């Protein structure tokens, strides 16, 4: 049996842009997480007034994280593809926990920068981009998330893509080393299969 290559992948970006939800959805749709667990999390999240947090709870397992609805500590999860096995590191997006983000990203071979399609670039987006580059992360995937909030609008996606590319260029990322993907993590659009709602991509 051929041994798979290993890669550490950090999820970075501003608070509430959907990092944990994207990761939870990806792990569920690839069979890493049992869908019954998501159903259980959905019921518990709704009982706490945190509807739509079920996918985030795959990674946000601390009581305080679930009650506050934010990632506080770095969480790791294994994820396999045909070619690689990944250790995905879910990094907190809140500025109060930037030390934890640094710890998580310092281990990364590549990163997924999650940016809310409606809100765009925010303070922690900028800080996480700068820190990831400083920490030596040269490969980047930008997940423009919550495309459902802008009705899967290609024009807004393209505008935001240009804004993000300008930010990335400022810290030394090369355009050809960055991959952009429009997604809706909660709705499951463009996660593991091409979205019918974004045929333009």
Protein backbone atom coordinates (compact mmCIF):
# COMPACT_ATOMS: atom_id res chain seq x y z
CA UNK A 1 0.00 0.00 0.00
CA UNK A 2 1.33 3.43 -0.97
CA UNK A 3 1.59 5.81 1.93
CA UNK A 4 -0.30 9.08 1.42
CA UNK A 5 1.44 12.42 1.66
CA UNK A 6 0.57 14.46 4.74
CA UNK A 7 -0.35 18.14 4.76
CA UNK A 8 -1.23 20.51 7.62
CA UNK A 9 -3.98 22.89 6.53
CA UNK A 10 -5.02 25.91 8.65
CA UNK A 11 -8.48 27.49 8.48
CA UNK A 12 -8.03 31.25 8.96
CA UNK A 13 -10.11 34.42 8.66
CA UNK A 14 -12.29 36.92 10.49
CA UNK A 15 -14.66 35.88 13.25
CA UNK A 16 -18.09 34.68 12.05
CA UNK A 17 -17.03 34.30 8.42
CA UNK A 18 -17.74 30.57 8.64
CA UNK A 19 -14.42 28.77 9.16
CA UNK A 20 -15.74 26.13 11.56
CA UNK A 21 -18.97 25.71 9.58
CA UNK A 22 -17.02 25.21 6.34
CA UNK A 23 -14.80 22.65 8.00
CA UNK A 24 -17.73 20.84 9.63
CA UNK A 25 -19.59 20.72 6.31
CA UNK A 26 -16.51 19.44 4.46
CA UNK A 27 -15.91 16.70 7.03
CA UNK A 28 -19.58 15.68 6.92
CA UNK A 29 -19.86 15.59 3.12
CA UNK A 30 -16.70 13.53 2.77
CA UNK A 31 -17.90 10.94 5.29
CA UNK A 32 -15.37 11.83 8.00
CA UNK A 33 -18.20 12.86 10.34
CA UNK A 34 -21.40 10.84 10.72
CA UNK A 35 -24.51 12.81 9.59
CA UNK A 36 -26.34 11.54 12.70
CA UNK A 37 -23.88 13.54 14.79
CA UNK A 38 -24.83 16.69 12.84
CA UNK A 39 -28.53 15.99 13.57
CA UNK A 40 -27.68 15.68 17.26
CA UNK A 41 -25.69 18.94 17.19
CA UNK A 42 -28.55 20.67 15.35
CA UNK A 43 -31.01 19.81 18.14
CA UNK A 44 -28.58 20.87 20.88
CA UNK A 45 -27.67 24.10 19.08
CA UNK A 46 -31.32 25.04 18.58
CA UNK A 47 -32.00 24.37 22.28
CA UNK A 48 -29.25 26.89 23.13
CA UNK A 49 -30.59 29.45 20.65
CA UNK A 50 -27.69 28.77 18.27
CA UNK A 51 -29.57 27.52 15.21
CA UNK A 52 -27.27 26.96 12.19
CA UNK A 53 -24.25 26.18 14.41
CA UNK A 54 -24.41 22.39 14.01
CA UNK A 55 -21.57 22.16 11.49
CA UNK A 56 -19.37 24.52 13.52
CA UNK A 57 -19.81 22.30 16.56
CA UNK A 58 -17.87 19.54 14.83
CA UNK A 59 -14.77 21.60 15.65
CA UNK A 60 -16.01 23.90 18.43
CA UNK A 61 -16.34 21.32 21.18
CA UNK A 62 -15.61 23.38 24.29
CA UNK A 63 -18.66 24.38 26.35
CA UNK A 64 -17.63 28.05 26.26
CA UNK A 65 -17.18 27.93 22.46
CA UNK A 66 -20.66 26.53 21.97
CA UNK A 67 -22.33 28.96 24.36
CA UNK A 68 -20.57 32.01 22.90
CA UNK A 69 -20.71 30.81 19.29
CA UNK A 70 -17.01 31.42 18.64
CA UNK A 71 -13.85 29.37 18.26
CA UNK A 72 -11.49 29.95 21.17
CA UNK A 73 -8.91 27.18 21.05
CA UNK A 74 -7.15 25.55 18.12
CA UNK A 75 -8.79 22.26 17.08
CA UNK A 76 -7.32 19.52 14.87
CA UNK A 77 -9.12 17.00 12.68
CA UNK A 78 -7.84 14.39 10.24
CA UNK A 79 -9.30 14.38 6.74
CA UNK A 80 -8.40 11.99 3.90
CA UNK A 81 -8.47 12.24 0.11
CA UNK A 82 -7.19 9.74 -2.44
CA UNK A 83 -3.79 11.42 -2.58
CA UNK A 84 -3.31 13.14 0.79
CA UNK A 85 -4.21 12.90 4.40
CA UNK A 86 -4.65 16.28 6.01
CA UNK A 87 -4.51 17.52 9.53
CA UNK A 88 -6.89 20.44 9.43
CA UNK A 89 -6.31 23.11 12.06
CA UNK A 90 -9.34 25.28 12.87
CA UNK A 91 -7.97 28.63 14.07
CA UNK A 92 -9.97 31.19 16.07
CA UNK A 93 -10.97 34.37 14.25
CA UNK A 94 -11.56 36.58 17.30
CA UNK A 95 -8.79 39.12 17.92
CA UNK A 96 -8.63 38.14 21.62
CA UNK A 97 -7.40 34.69 20.60
CA UNK A 98 -4.79 35.69 18.01
CA UNK A 99 -2.09 33.80 19.97
CA UNK A 100 -4.05 30.61 19.37
CA UNK A 101 -4.35 31.47 15.68
CA UNK A 102 -0.57 31.92 15.49
CA UNK A 103 -0.02 28.56 17.21
CA UNK A 104 -2.32 26.81 14.72
CA UNK A 105 -1.00 28.54 11.62
CA UNK A 106 2.66 28.05 12.56
CA UNK A 107 2.16 24.31 11.92
CA UNK A 108 0.51 24.82 8.50
CA UNK A 109 1.81 23.85 5.08
CA UNK A 110 -1.10 25.74 3.47
CA UNK A 111 -4.12 27.72 4.61
CA UNK A 112 -7.76 28.27 3.69
CA UNK A 113 -8.68 31.93 4.13
CA UNK A 114 -12.45 32.18 4.66
CA UNK A 115 -14.04 35.52 3.71
CA UNK A 116 -17.74 36.36 4.05
CA UNK A 117 -19.06 37.32 0.59
CA UNK A 118 -21.29 40.06 2.01
CA UNK A 119 -19.01 41.51 4.71
CA UNK A 120 -15.80 41.24 2.69
CA UNK A 121 -12.37 42.00 4.12
CA UNK A 122 -12.42 42.75 7.84
CA UNK A 123 -9.74 43.51 10.46
CA UNK A 124 -8.92 39.89 11.28
CA UNK A 125 -8.91 39.00 7.59
CA UNK A 126 -6.01 41.42 7.17
CA UNK A 127 -4.22 40.30 10.32
CA UNK A 128 -4.56 36.60 9.49
CA UNK A 129 -3.24 37.17 5.95
CA UNK A 130 -0.24 39.07 7.31
CA UNK A 131 0.46 36.51 10.05
CA UNK A 132 0.10 33.49 7.77
CA UNK A 133 2.59 34.99 5.32
CA UNK A 134 4.97 35.92 8.14
CA UNK A 135 4.73 32.36 9.47
CA UNK A 136 5.79 30.99 6.08
CA UNK A 137 2.47 29.85 4.61
CA UNK A 138 2.93 30.24 0.85
CA UNK A 139 -0.01 28.20 -0.48
CA UNK A 140 -3.44 29.72 0.01
CA UNK A 141 -7.00 28.84 -0.89
CA UNK A 142 -9.54 31.64 -0.51
CA UNK A 143 -13.05 30.40 0.22
CA UNK A 144 -15.48 33.24 -0.46
CA UNK A 145 -18.19 31.96 1.88
CA UNK A 146 -21.86 32.72 2.47
CA UNK A 147 -22.50 33.19 -1.25
CA UNK A 148 -26.16 32.50 -0.43
CA UNK A 149 -26.24 35.87 1.41
CA UNK A 150 -25.59 37.64 -1.90
CA UNK A 151 -27.78 35.35 -4.02
CA UNK A 152 -24.71 33.69 -5.57
CA UNK A 153 -23.89 36.92 -7.42
CA UNK A 154 -20.89 36.52 -9.73
CA UNK A 155 -20.26 40.28 -9.97
CA UNK A 156 -19.89 40.68 -6.19
CA UNK A 157 -17.67 37.58 -6.07
CA UNK A 158 -15.37 38.98 -8.77
CA UNK A 159 -15.19 42.40 -7.05
CA UNK A 160 -14.30 40.80 -3.73
CA UNK A 161 -11.76 38.53 -5.40
CA UNK A 162 -9.93 41.59 -6.77
CA UNK A 163 -9.98 43.27 -3.33
CA UNK A 164 -8.56 40.13 -1.71
CA UNK A 165 -5.89 39.75 -4.40
CA UNK A 166 -4.78 43.34 -3.73
CA UNK A 167 -4.51 42.59 0.01
CA UNK A 168 -2.59 39.37 -0.63
CA UNK A 169 -0.17 41.12 -3.01
CA UNK A 170 0.63 43.69 -0.30
CA UNK A 171 2.07 40.95 1.93
CA UNK A 172 3.85 39.07 -0.84
CA UNK A 173 1.44 36.40 -2.05
CA UNK A 174 1.74 35.68 -5.75
CA UNK A 175 -1.51 35.59 -7.72
CA UNK A 176 -0.70 32.19 -9.22
CA UNK A 177 -0.20 30.60 -5.78
CA UNK A 178 -3.75 31.45 -4.67
CA UNK A 179 -6.90 29.50 -5.53
CA UNK A 180 -10.33 31.13 -5.15
CA UNK A 181 -13.55 29.18 -4.60
CA UNK A 182 -17.04 30.66 -4.04
CA UNK A 183 -18.94 28.56 -1.47
CA UNK A 184 -21.88 28.46 0.87
CA UNK A 185 -20.69 26.29 3.73
CA UNK A 186 -24.00 26.11 5.56
CA UNK A 187 -26.00 25.37 2.41
CA UNK A 188 -23.37 22.92 1.16
CA UNK A 189 -22.78 24.70 -2.16
CA UNK A 190 -19.45 24.11 -3.96
CA UNK A 191 -17.98 22.11 -1.08
CA UNK A 192 -17.37 18.65 -2.56
CA UNK A 193 -19.26 18.97 -5.83
CA UNK A 194 -19.93 21.75 -8.31
CA UNK A 195 -22.83 23.98 -7.33
CA UNK A 196 -25.86 24.28 -9.61
CA UNK A 197 -26.36 27.77 -8.14
CA UNK A 198 -22.93 28.94 -9.32
CA UNK A 199 -22.72 27.51 -12.83
CA UNK A 200 -20.68 30.57 -13.77
CA UNK A 201 -17.72 29.24 -11.71
